[in-house]
C-alpha atoms as a PDB file:
ATOM      1  CA  MET A   1      23.033  40.876 -22.300  1.00  0.00           C
ATOM      2  CA  SER A   2      24.175  38.534 -25.102  1.00  0.00           C
ATOM      3  CA  THR A   3      25.873  35.577 -22.700  1.00  0.00           C
ATOM      4  CA  VAL A   4      22.288  36.115 -21.098  1.00  0.00           C
ATOM      5  CA  GLN A   5      20.321  35.588 -23.850  1.00  0.00           C
ATOM      6  CA  THR A   6      22.556  32.836 -24.901  1.00  0.00           C
ATOM      7  CA  ASP A   7      22.165  31.227 -21.470  1.00  0.00           C
ATOM      8  CA  ILE A   8      18.082  31.513 -21.768  1.00  0.00           C
ATOM      9  CA  GLU A   9      18.065  29.927 -25.166  1.00  0.00           C
ATOM     10  CA  GLN A  10      20.355  26.992 -24.138  1.00  0.00           C
ATOM     11  CA  LEU A  11      18.055  26.563 -21.195  1.00  0.00           C
ATOM     12  CA  GLN A  12      15.077  26.448 -23.187  1.00  0.00           C
ATOM     13  CA  MET A  13      16.794  24.151 -25.551  1.00  0.00           C
ATOM     14  CA  LYS A  14      17.641  21.625 -22.603  1.00  0.00           C
ATOM     15  CA  MET A  15      14.342  22.074 -21.180  1.00  0.00           C
ATOM     16  CA  ALA A  16      12.621  21.218 -24.357  1.00  0.00           C
ATOM     17  CA  PHE A  17      15.100  18.229 -25.055  1.00  0.00           C
ATOM     18  CA  GLN A  18      14.111  16.652 -21.675  1.00  0.00           C
ATOM     19  CA  GLU A  19      10.506  17.160 -22.035  1.00  0.00           C
ATOM     20  CA  ASP A  20      10.727  15.490 -25.414  1.00  0.00           C
ATOM     21  CA  THR A  21      12.859  12.391 -23.727  1.00  0.00           C
ATOM     22  CA  ILE A  22      10.221  12.543 -20.568  1.00  0.00           C
ATOM     23  CA  GLU A  23       7.646  12.104 -23.195  1.00  0.00           C
ATOM     24  CA  SER A  24       9.201   8.853 -24.923  1.00  0.00           C
ATOM     25  CA  LEU A  25      10.052   7.416 -21.811  1.00  0.00           C
ATOM     26  CA  ASN A  26       6.078   7.826 -20.729  1.00  0.00           C
ATOM     27  CA  GLN A  27       4.934   6.306 -24.118  1.00  0.00           C
ATOM     28  CA  ALA A  28       7.492   3.644 -23.373  1.00  0.00           C
ATOM     29  CA  LEU A  29       6.330   3.106 -19.849  1.00  0.00           C
ATOM     30  CA  ILE A  30       2.402   2.785 -21.292  1.00  0.00           C
ATOM     31  CA  LEU A  31       3.439   0.417 -23.953  1.00  0.00           C
ATOM     32  CA  GLN A  32       5.248  -1.979 -21.466  1.00  0.00           C
ATOM     33  CA  GLN A  33       2.412  -1.682 -18.844  1.00  0.00           C
ATOM     34  CA  LYS A  34       0.246  -2.939 -21.799  1.00  0.00           C
ATOM     35  CA  GLN A  35       2.134  -5.856 -22.702  1.00  0.00           C
ATOM     36  CA  MET A  36       2.398  -6.643 -19.087  1.00  0.00           C
ATOM     37  CA  ASP A  37      -1.421  -6.545 -18.581  1.00  0.00           C
ATOM     38  CA  ASP A  38      -1.726  -8.755 -21.879  1.00  0.00           C
ATOM     39  CA  LEU A  39       1.047 -11.390 -20.559  1.00  0.00           C
ATOM     40  CA  GLN A  40      -0.832 -11.415 -17.083  1.00  0.00           C
ATOM     41  CA  PHE A  41      -4.372 -11.859 -18.733  1.00  0.00           C
ATOM     42  CA  GLN A  42      -2.607 -14.886 -20.688  1.00  0.00           C
ATOM     43  CA  LEU A  43      -1.148 -16.049 -18.320  1.00  0.00           C
ATOM     44  CA  LYS A  44      -4.495 -16.559 -15.728  1.00  0.00           C
ATOM     45  CA  GLN A  45      -6.125 -18.102 -18.760  1.00  0.00           C
ATOM     46  CA  LEU A  46      -3.099 -20.612 -18.938  1.00  0.00           C
ATOM     47  CA  VAL A  47      -3.502 -21.573 -15.481  1.00  0.00           C
ATOM     48  CA  SER A  48      -7.324 -22.072 -15.733  1.00  0.00           C
ATOM     49  CA  LYS A  49      -6.681 -24.169 -19.040  1.00  0.00           C
ATOM     50  CA  MET A  50      -4.124 -26.341 -16.851  1.00  0.00           C
ATOM     51  CA  SER A  51      -6.304 -26.543 -14.201  1.00  0.00           C
ATOM     52  CA  ALA A  52      -9.312 -28.027 -16.095  1.00  0.00           C
ATOM     53  CA  ILE A  53      -7.148 -30.396 -17.943  1.00  0.00           C
ATOM     54  CA  GLU A  54      -8.596 -33.578 -16.288  1.00  0.00           C
ATOM     55  CA  PRO A  55      -5.628 -36.010 -14.795  1.00  0.00           C
ATOM     56  CA  SER A  56      -4.232 -38.798 -16.571  1.00  0.00           C
ATOM     57  CA  ASN A  57      -5.689 -41.984 -16.031  1.00  0.00           C
ATOM     58  CA  MET A  58      -2.331 -43.587 -15.019  1.00  0.00           C
ATOM     59  CA  ALA A  59      -1.654 -44.658 -11.642  1.00  0.00           C
ATOM     60  CA  SER A  60       0.888 -42.535 -10.045  1.00  0.00           C
ATOM     61  CA  GLU A  61       3.973 -43.848  -8.291  1.00  0.00           C
ATOM     62  CA  THR A  62       2.512 -44.476  -4.957  1.00  0.00           C
ATOM     63  CA  GLU A  63      -0.698 -45.887  -5.929  1.00  0.00           C
ATOM     64  CA  GLU A  64       0.836 -48.678  -8.179  1.00  0.00           C
ATOM     65  CA  MET A  65       2.063 -52.163  -6.998  1.00  0.00           C
ATOM     66  CA  PRO A  66       5.813 -53.259  -7.635  1.00  0.00           C
ATOM     67  CA  PRO A  67       6.895 -55.423 -10.061  1.00  0.00           C
ATOM     68  CA  PRO A  68       6.487 -59.137  -9.233  1.00  0.00           C
ATOM     69  CA  HIS A  69      10.076 -59.338  -8.407  1.00  0.00           C
ATOM     70  CA  TYR A  70      10.315 -57.538  -5.678  1.00  0.00           C
END
């Protein structure tokens, strides 16, 4: 009877440890998801700001005339 009781106690300890581990992993996952959401928001803001920047007033290479020595 003692070994059965010991086995049950060991299983209960393992289960408690697993529950604690699962909760820790869940909290880490929640934090990572929040960080990803924040980064996605920042990236969208950056893309919209970059799109709003006016292009340079310098001519592109295709629009420039070749130098006179050509």
